[in-house]
Amino acid sequence: MEIEERIRRAEECLKEQFSEIDEVALFNTEKVLTAFREEEIALRHFNPSTGYGYGDEGREKLGKVFAHAFGAEAAVVSPALLSGTHALTVALFGVLRPRDNILFITGRPYDTIQGVIWGEGNGSLKDFGVGYKVVPLGKEGKVDFAAVAQALEEGKFRMVYIQRSRGYELRDAFSVDEIGKMCDFVRGRGFGGCIFVDNCYGEFVEKREPCEVGADIIVGSLIKNPGGGLAPTGGYIAGKALFIEQCLRRLTAPTVGGEIGSYAYGYLPYFQGFFLAPHVVAQALKGGLLIGKCMEELGFENFPKIGAHPADITRAIRFNTERELTHFIQSVQEVSPVDSFVKLEAWDMPGYDDKVIMAAGTFVAGASIELSADAPIRKPYTAYFQGGLTYEHCSLACRAILKKLASS
């Protein structure tokens, strides 16, 4: 079948799902617009600040807009949060104390956060006397509620940790409904501590966020979904006001908390990116579905399955050989607007156990809301595709991928 015909047929099959995604984008755009209007955002809130940043209205209002849109009591949104991993680390160290324990109910966390939890001699939570227990996922990558109940009965935990996205695991991301059931379950077993959600890649994929179904803290990166492709760096932590204050005291200092924090370049891209984020997320979701559908027709297994509404913007595609995997990643780089000429090779990225090959020809370095893909070089050979600021770019990438795989 010709590439153009394959894409046309895939788009026809996906019409209903595309319509559902557009409906969610409209709902979330209205939600964000309402947050902007009720917080009375004005041009002055985009202004830069220097020094201590006392009275920085832009910083304060940005946090309030995020909190409003995410159904949270408060939020800190800051360029000083350097990545998703850094934002997660600040939040964990902000809430937890020596002799506290964390219960991971969605299996092992993402590679880069593992060393934060149980690293040896690197300043990890373990080094500071914080314990942990990991409950492996059950069949089909779902939470093993019986094992979670047993862990809660046998141990004393300050925090229950939920990772929404799959990371490098072959499972579907967890939907907000599923996260809500997790929250209800642990509360029903008498858990009174902090329910913590790594929300990376999940923002604006559905009409609700985890704070609206029982999560106490959600954390994410601004160079993923909520930055809308415009935020140049940064992260956010949103949730209950008590916990956000604890996180602020870790981000700055215990004596000043959220009273300080300047940004000399201004907040315009953060506000504007957040406003655009619901639309950009919809573009990425539709692009991922198109590529996934075409890969499925070629016999490559997809996670999530085509036909299911995605719970985040990532798509895992399993290949038979390292060569096929590498060609897929390389074709994404070759159709990128930046560094399209770069010949990709796997390398030892900091924080990962295996060599990783990563396509990220992006305007913001490493921004996975932009068209990007990466994979650890290990069996089963699985590429993790995400992002796409426009559906048109994703469609062009699909053509390039199909052409390269056909010639491999």
Protein backbone atom coordinates (compact mmCIF):
# COMPACT_ATOMS: atom_id res chain seq x y z
CA MET A 1 0.00 0.00 0.00
CA GLU A 2 1.28 3.48 -0.84
CA ILE A 3 2.25 5.67 2.10
CA GLU A 4 -0.28 8.40 1.31
CA GLU A 5 -3.09 5.87 1.05
CA ARG A 6 -2.06 4.23 4.32
CA ILE A 7 -2.16 7.57 6.11
CA ARG A 8 -5.50 8.52 4.56
CA ARG A 9 -7.05 5.23 5.68
CA ALA A 10 -5.59 5.59 9.18
CA GLU A 11 -7.06 9.09 9.53
CA GLU A 12 -10.47 7.79 8.42
CA CYS A 13 -10.35 5.06 11.08
CA LEU A 14 -9.34 7.58 13.75
CA LYS A 15 -12.04 10.20 13.07
CA GLU A 16 -14.10 9.35 16.13
CA GLN A 17 -11.10 9.41 18.47
CA PHE A 18 -9.90 12.69 16.96
CA SER A 19 -13.31 14.19 17.65
CA GLU A 20 -13.18 13.05 21.29
CA ILE A 21 -9.73 14.61 21.70
CA ASP A 22 -10.96 17.91 20.23
CA GLU A 23 -13.85 17.91 22.71
CA VAL A 24 -11.44 17.49 25.63
CA ALA A 25 -9.25 20.29 24.25
CA LEU A 26 -12.23 22.64 24.07
CA PHE A 27 -13.22 21.81 27.66
CA ASN A 28 -9.70 22.33 28.97
CA THR A 29 -9.19 25.54 27.01
CA GLU A 30 -12.30 26.95 28.64
CA LYS A 31 -11.00 25.81 32.03
CA VAL A 32 -7.67 27.59 31.50
CA LEU A 33 -9.37 30.70 30.11
CA THR A 34 -11.59 30.81 33.20
CA ALA A 35 -8.49 30.63 35.41
CA PHE A 36 -6.91 33.57 33.55
CA ARG A 37 -10.08 35.65 33.79
CA GLU A 38 -10.85 34.93 37.43
CA GLU A 39 -7.25 35.69 38.42
CA GLU A 40 -7.49 38.93 36.37
CA ILE A 41 -4.25 38.38 34.49
CA ALA A 42 -2.87 41.64 33.08
CA LEU A 43 0.15 42.71 31.05
CA ARG A 44 2.03 43.66 34.20
CA HIS A 45 2.10 40.02 35.27
CA PHE A 46 4.45 39.24 32.38
CA ASN A 47 7.09 41.67 33.66
CA PRO A 48 10.52 40.46 34.80
CA SER A 49 11.88 40.83 38.30
CA THR A 50 15.36 40.75 39.80
CA GLY A 51 17.06 40.21 43.11
CA TYR A 52 14.95 38.66 45.81
CA GLY A 53 11.75 39.07 43.83
CA TYR A 54 9.72 40.44 46.73
CA GLY A 55 6.24 41.33 45.51
CA ASP A 56 6.73 39.58 42.17
CA GLU A 57 3.11 39.55 40.97
CA GLY A 58 3.88 37.45 37.90
CA ARG A 59 5.32 34.61 39.99
CA GLU A 60 2.38 34.68 42.37
CA LYS A 61 -0.30 34.87 39.69
CA LEU A 62 1.28 32.11 37.60
CA GLY A 63 0.99 29.76 40.56
CA LYS A 64 -2.63 30.76 41.13
CA VAL A 65 -3.57 30.18 37.48
CA PHE A 66 -2.04 26.68 37.55
CA ALA A 67 -3.75 25.87 40.85
CA HIS A 68 -7.11 27.09 39.54
CA ALA A 69 -6.90 25.11 36.31
CA PHE A 70 -5.66 21.94 38.03
CA GLY A 71 -8.25 21.96 40.81
CA ALA A 72 -5.60 22.53 43.48
CA GLU A 73 -5.47 24.80 46.51
CA ALA A 74 -2.06 26.22 45.62
CA ALA A 75 0.84 25.76 43.23
CA VAL A 76 4.44 26.76 42.74
CA VAL A 77 5.47 27.28 39.11
CA SER A 78 9.10 28.20 38.65
CA PRO A 79 11.98 28.27 36.18
CA ALA A 80 14.13 27.30 39.18
CA LEU A 81 12.57 23.83 38.92
CA LEU A 82 14.99 22.59 36.30
CA SER A 83 13.23 19.43 35.10
CA GLY A 84 10.48 17.00 35.97
CA THR A 85 12.95 14.99 38.04
CA HIS A 86 14.05 18.12 39.90
CA ALA A 87 10.45 19.15 40.60
CA LEU A 88 9.69 15.65 41.91
CA THR A 89 12.83 15.75 44.06
CA VAL A 90 11.97 19.14 45.57
CA ALA A 91 8.46 17.94 46.38
CA LEU A 92 9.65 14.67 47.92
CA PHE A 93 12.28 16.33 50.09
CA GLY A 94 9.81 19.09 50.96
CA VAL A 95 7.19 16.73 52.38
CA LEU A 96 9.20 13.81 53.74
CA ARG A 97 11.26 13.67 56.93
CA PRO A 98 13.76 11.17 58.38
CA ARG A 99 12.12 7.86 59.35
CA ASP A 100 9.17 8.50 57.02
CA ASN A 101 8.35 5.81 54.48
CA ILE A 102 7.00 5.91 50.91
CA LEU A 103 4.75 3.27 49.37
CA PHE A 104 5.03 3.02 45.58
CA ILE A 105 1.79 1.43 44.37
CA THR A 106 2.43 1.66 40.60
CA GLY A 107 5.62 -0.37 40.49
CA ARG A 108 9.15 0.94 40.20
CA PRO A 109 9.33 4.67 39.43
CA TYR A 110 10.96 6.16 36.34
CA ASP A 111 14.70 5.59 35.91
CA THR A 112 15.88 9.10 36.82
CA ILE A 113 13.94 9.20 40.10
CA GLN A 114 15.17 5.83 41.37
CA GLY A 115 18.52 7.25 42.49
CA VAL A 116 16.66 10.04 44.29
CA ILE A 117 14.79 7.45 46.34
CA TRP A 118 17.30 4.69 47.06
CA GLY A 119 20.67 5.87 45.81
CA GLU A 120 23.69 5.12 47.97
CA GLY A 121 25.80 8.02 49.22
CA ASN A 122 24.47 10.52 46.68
CA GLY A 123 22.21 12.58 48.94
CA SER A 124 19.16 10.41 48.25
CA LEU A 125 16.12 10.11 50.49
CA LYS A 126 17.55 6.82 51.70
CA ASP A 127 20.71 8.63 52.81
CA PHE A 128 18.48 10.88 54.92
CA GLY A 129 16.70 7.98 56.57
CA VAL A 130 13.57 7.82 54.41
CA GLY A 131 12.43 4.27 53.70
CA TYR A 132 10.38 2.86 50.86
CA LYS A 133 8.44 -0.15 49.64
CA VAL A 134 7.58 -0.91 46.01
CA VAL A 135 4.43 -2.86 45.20
CA PRO A 136 4.90 -4.42 41.75
CA LEU A 137 2.09 -4.04 39.26
CA GLY A 138 -0.23 -6.96 38.73
CA LYS A 139 -1.54 -8.50 35.55
CA GLU A 140 -1.82 -6.30 32.46
CA GLY A 141 0.11 -3.52 34.16
CA LYS A 142 -2.58 -2.61 36.68
CA VAL A 143 -2.33 -1.90 40.41
CA ASP A 144 -2.34 -4.98 42.61
CA PHE A 145 -4.84 -3.72 45.18
CA ALA A 146 -4.59 -6.81 47.36
CA ALA A 147 -0.83 -6.32 47.66
CA VAL A 148 -1.32 -2.60 48.36
CA ALA A 149 -3.79 -3.42 51.14
CA GLN A 150 -1.33 -5.88 52.67
CA ALA A 151 1.50 -3.32 52.52
CA LEU A 152 -0.65 -0.70 54.25
CA GLU A 153 -1.55 -3.18 56.98
CA GLU A 154 2.05 -4.22 57.59
CA GLY A 155 3.80 -0.85 57.37
CA LYS A 156 3.50 2.78 58.36
CA PHE A 157 3.76 5.19 55.43
CA ARG A 158 3.87 8.96 55.18
CA MET A 159 3.36 8.98 51.41
CA VAL A 160 1.68 6.90 48.71
CA TYR A 161 3.37 7.49 45.34
CA ILE A 162 1.60 7.10 41.99
CA GLN A 163 3.34 7.42 38.64
CA ARG A 164 0.81 8.28 35.95
CA SER A 165 2.95 7.70 32.87
CA ARG A 166 4.52 4.40 31.86
CA GLY A 167 8.13 5.57 31.92
CA TYR A 168 10.08 2.78 30.24
CA GLU A 169 7.59 0.09 31.32
CA LEU A 170 5.35 -1.71 28.85
CA ARG A 171 2.05 -0.67 30.36
CA ASP A 172 -0.60 1.93 29.65
CA ALA A 173 -0.51 5.23 31.49
CA PHE A 174 -3.07 5.46 34.28
CA SER A 175 -6.22 7.45 33.59
CA VAL A 176 -7.55 10.02 36.03
CA ASP A 177 -10.42 7.66 36.85
CA GLU A 178 -7.91 4.93 37.73
CA ILE A 179 -5.93 7.38 39.88
CA GLY A 180 -9.16 8.34 41.63
CA LYS A 181 -9.82 4.68 42.44
CA MET A 182 -6.29 4.35 43.84
CA CYS A 183 -6.84 7.40 46.05
CA ASP A 184 -10.21 6.11 47.27
CA PHE A 185 -8.74 2.67 47.96
CA VAL A 186 -5.83 3.84 50.11
CA ARG A 187 -8.02 6.32 51.99
CA GLY A 188 -10.51 3.51 52.57
CA ARG A 189 -7.71 1.52 54.21
CA GLY A 190 -7.13 4.31 56.72
CA PHE A 191 -4.19 6.02 55.01
CA GLY A 192 -4.01 9.62 56.24
CA GLY A 193 -0.75 10.79 54.66
CA CYS A 194 0.14 12.44 51.37
CA ILE A 195 -0.99 10.97 48.05
CA PHE A 196 1.67 12.05 45.55
CA VAL A 197 1.23 11.84 41.75
CA ASP A 198 3.97 12.15 39.16
CA ASN A 199 1.73 13.82 36.56
CA CYS A 200 4.35 14.18 33.80
CA TYR A 201 2.96 13.75 30.26
CA GLY A 202 -0.64 13.62 31.55
CA GLU A 203 -1.74 17.25 31.88
CA PHE A 204 -4.79 18.22 29.78
CA VAL A 205 -5.12 14.76 28.23
CA GLU A 206 -8.43 14.37 30.08
CA LYS A 207 -11.01 16.77 31.47
CA ARG A 208 -9.84 16.28 35.06
CA GLU A 209 -6.49 16.29 36.82
CA PRO A 210 -5.47 14.05 39.75
CA CYS A 211 -6.03 16.80 42.36
CA GLU A 212 -9.72 16.64 41.44
CA VAL A 213 -9.97 12.95 42.36
CA GLY A 214 -8.08 12.82 45.65
CA ALA A 215 -4.37 13.48 45.01
CA ASP A 216 -2.66 15.79 47.51
CA ILE A 217 0.27 16.76 45.26
CA ILE A 218 0.81 16.59 41.51
CA VAL A 219 4.14 17.37 39.87
CA GLY A 220 5.22 17.98 36.30
CA SER A 221 7.60 19.65 33.87
CA LEU A 222 6.93 22.80 31.86
CA ILE A 223 8.83 21.49 28.84
CA LYS A 224 6.16 18.82 28.65
CA ASN A 225 2.40 19.38 28.37
CA PRO A 226 1.67 22.48 30.47
CA GLY A 227 4.36 24.62 28.84
CA GLY A 228 2.57 24.43 25.50
CA GLY A 229 5.88 24.37 23.64
CA LEU A 230 6.70 27.96 24.68
CA ALA A 231 8.01 27.61 28.24
CA PRO A 232 11.82 27.57 27.99
CA THR A 233 12.37 25.62 31.22
CA GLY A 234 10.75 25.01 34.59
CA GLY A 235 8.38 22.79 36.51
CA TYR A 236 5.35 22.94 38.77
CA ILE A 237 4.09 21.44 42.01
CA ALA A 238 0.36 21.79 42.76
CA GLY A 239 -1.94 20.51 45.45
CA LYS A 240 -2.94 21.08 49.06
CA ALA A 241 -1.72 24.42 50.41
CA LEU A 242 -0.01 22.82 53.42
CA PHE A 243 2.14 20.58 51.23
CA ILE A 244 2.90 23.32 48.72
CA GLU A 245 4.21 25.52 51.53
CA GLN A 246 6.50 22.68 52.62
CA CYS A 247 7.76 22.32 49.06
CA LEU A 248 8.40 26.06 48.77
CA ARG A 249 10.51 25.95 51.91
CA ARG A 250 12.62 23.27 50.26
CA LEU A 251 12.85 25.13 46.93
CA THR A 252 14.08 28.32 48.64
CA ALA A 253 14.76 28.24 52.40
CA PRO A 254 12.70 27.32 55.48
CA THR A 255 12.63 30.95 56.63
CA VAL A 256 11.35 32.53 53.40
CA GLY A 257 9.36 29.92 51.46
CA GLY A 258 7.39 31.47 48.63
CA GLU A 259 8.16 35.06 49.53
CA ILE A 260 11.17 35.24 47.24
CA GLY A 261 12.03 34.22 43.70
CA SER A 262 12.78 36.48 40.75
CA TYR A 263 13.00 35.88 37.01
CA ALA A 264 14.81 38.48 34.95
CA TYR A 265 13.41 37.31 31.59
CA GLY A 266 9.69 37.74 32.29
CA TYR A 267 6.78 35.34 32.51
CA LEU A 268 5.12 35.84 29.12
CA PRO A 269 6.10 32.42 27.63
CA TYR A 270 4.86 30.64 30.76
CA PHE A 271 1.43 32.27 30.73
CA GLN A 272 1.07 32.04 26.97
CA GLY A 273 2.32 28.46 26.85
CA PHE A 274 -0.14 27.40 29.54
CA PHE A 275 -2.97 29.06 27.63
CA LEU A 276 -2.04 27.14 24.46
CA ALA A 277 -1.33 23.85 26.25
CA PRO A 278 -4.77 22.18 25.87
CA HIS A 279 -4.65 22.68 22.09
CA VAL A 280 -1.02 21.59 21.78
CA VAL A 281 -1.70 18.46 23.84
CA ALA A 282 -4.57 17.59 21.50
CA GLN A 283 -2.26 17.95 18.51
CA ALA A 284 0.27 15.62 20.11
CA LEU A 285 -2.39 13.04 21.00
CA LYS A 286 -3.77 12.95 17.47
CA GLY A 287 -0.29 12.74 15.99
CA GLY A 288 0.63 9.86 18.27
CA LEU A 289 -2.53 8.00 17.32
CA LEU A 290 -1.82 8.42 13.61
CA ILE A 291 1.71 7.06 13.92
CA GLY A 292 0.52 4.29 16.23
CA LYS A 293 -2.23 3.23 13.82
CA CYS A 294 0.20 3.05 10.91
CA MET A 295 2.71 1.10 12.99
CA GLU A 296 -0.02 -1.31 14.09
CA GLU A 297 -0.96 -2.00 10.48
CA LEU A 298 2.67 -2.88 9.82
CA GLY A 299 2.55 -5.42 12.64
CA PHE A 300 4.25 -3.44 15.41
CA GLU A 301 2.57 -3.67 18.83
CA ASN A 302 1.39 -0.40 20.42
CA PHE A 303 0.78 0.75 23.98
CA PRO A 304 -1.92 1.93 24.49
CA LYS A 305 -3.92 -0.10 22.00
CA ILE A 306 -5.44 1.84 19.14
CA GLY A 307 -9.07 2.50 20.02
CA ALA A 308 -8.40 3.27 23.68
CA HIS A 309 -8.34 6.92 24.74
CA PRO A 310 -4.71 7.69 25.70
CA ALA A 311 -4.08 8.70 29.31
CA ASP A 312 -0.92 10.64 28.43
CA ILE A 313 0.91 11.89 25.34
CA THR A 314 3.42 9.03 25.10
CA ARG A 315 3.13 6.00 22.84
CA ALA A 316 5.23 2.87 23.19
CA ILE A 317 5.94 0.93 19.99
CA ARG A 318 7.66 -2.44 20.14
CA PHE A 319 10.09 -3.48 17.39
CA ASN A 320 11.61 -6.82 16.47
CA THR A 321 15.21 -5.68 16.15
CA GLU A 322 17.55 -2.98 17.37
CA ARG A 323 17.94 -1.88 13.74
CA GLU A 324 14.19 -1.22 13.35
CA LEU A 325 14.13 0.63 16.66
CA THR A 326 17.09 2.81 15.68
CA HIS A 327 15.61 3.60 12.26
CA PHE A 328 12.36 4.72 13.89
CA ILE A 329 14.16 7.08 16.29
CA GLN A 330 16.44 8.40 13.54
CA SER A 331 13.53 9.18 11.22
CA VAL A 332 11.95 11.35 13.93
CA GLN A 333 15.20 13.33 14.19
CA GLU A 334 15.48 13.67 10.42
CA VAL A 335 12.05 15.29 10.12
CA SER A 336 12.68 17.71 13.02
CA PRO A 337 12.98 21.49 12.46
CA VAL A 338 16.20 21.66 14.52
CA ASP A 339 19.33 19.50 14.08
CA SER A 340 17.67 17.39 11.38
CA PHE A 341 21.14 16.65 9.98
CA VAL A 342 22.40 14.99 13.18
CA LYS A 343 23.14 11.27 12.96
CA LEU A 344 21.86 9.76 16.20
CA GLU A 345 23.72 7.22 18.28
CA ALA A 346 22.90 5.63 21.63
CA TRP A 347 24.88 7.00 24.58
CA ASP A 348 25.17 6.76 28.36
CA MET A 349 22.71 9.44 29.48
CA PRO A 350 22.94 10.52 33.14
CA GLY A 351 20.39 8.79 35.35
CA TYR A 352 19.74 5.79 33.07
CA ASP A 353 20.91 2.19 33.45
CA ASP A 354 21.15 1.43 29.70
CA LYS A 355 22.39 3.34 26.71
CA VAL A 356 19.64 5.59 25.35
CA ILE A 357 19.01 6.85 21.84
CA MET A 358 16.98 10.04 21.75
CA ALA A 359 15.48 12.12 18.94
CA ALA A 360 14.86 15.66 20.11
CA GLY A 361 15.25 18.15 17.27
CA THR A 362 13.34 20.69 19.31
CA PHE A 363 13.26 24.45 19.74
CA VAL A 364 13.48 24.00 23.52
CA ALA A 365 16.26 21.51 24.26
CA GLY A 366 14.81 18.17 25.33
CA ALA A 367 11.21 19.38 25.26
CA SER A 368 9.06 16.27 24.98
CA ILE A 369 5.89 18.22 24.19
CA GLU A 370 7.64 18.80 20.88
CA LEU A 371 8.01 15.92 18.42
CA SER A 372 10.49 13.55 20.04
CA ALA A 373 11.23 9.90 20.67
CA ASP A 374 13.65 7.91 22.78
CA ALA A 375 14.47 4.35 23.71
CA PRO A 376 16.78 2.40 25.99
CA ILE A 377 18.84 -0.09 24.02
CA ARG A 378 17.54 -3.25 25.62
CA LYS A 379 15.08 -6.03 24.87
CA PRO A 380 12.21 -5.89 24.15
CA TYR A 381 13.15 -3.13 21.71
CA THR A 382 10.62 -0.41 22.46
CA ALA A 383 10.51 3.18 21.25
CA TYR A 384 8.72 5.82 23.30
CA PHE A 385 7.22 8.47 21.04
CA GLN A 386 5.70 11.68 22.32
CA GLY A 387 4.83 15.24 21.49
CA GLY A 388 4.20 17.23 18.36
CA LEU A 389 3.29 20.92 18.47
CA THR A 390 1.13 20.52 15.35
CA TYR A 391 -0.70 17.58 13.85
CA GLU A 392 0.74 18.51 10.46
CA HIS A 393 4.27 17.97 11.74
CA CYS A 394 3.26 14.59 13.17
CA SER A 395 1.76 13.63 9.83
CA LEU A 396 4.97 14.51 8.02
CA ALA A 397 6.91 12.52 10.59
CA CYS A 398 4.64 9.53 9.99
CA ARG A 399 5.45 9.67 6.29
CA ALA A 400 9.17 9.79 7.03
CA ILE A 401 8.95 6.88 9.47
CA LEU A 402 7.02 4.70 7.04
CA LYS A 403 9.47 5.46 4.24
CA LYS A 404 12.53 4.68 6.37
CA LEU A 405 11.10 1.44 7.75
CA ALA A 406 10.14 0.32 4.26
CA SER A 407 13.75 0.72 3.14
CA SER A 408 15.32 -0.94 6.21
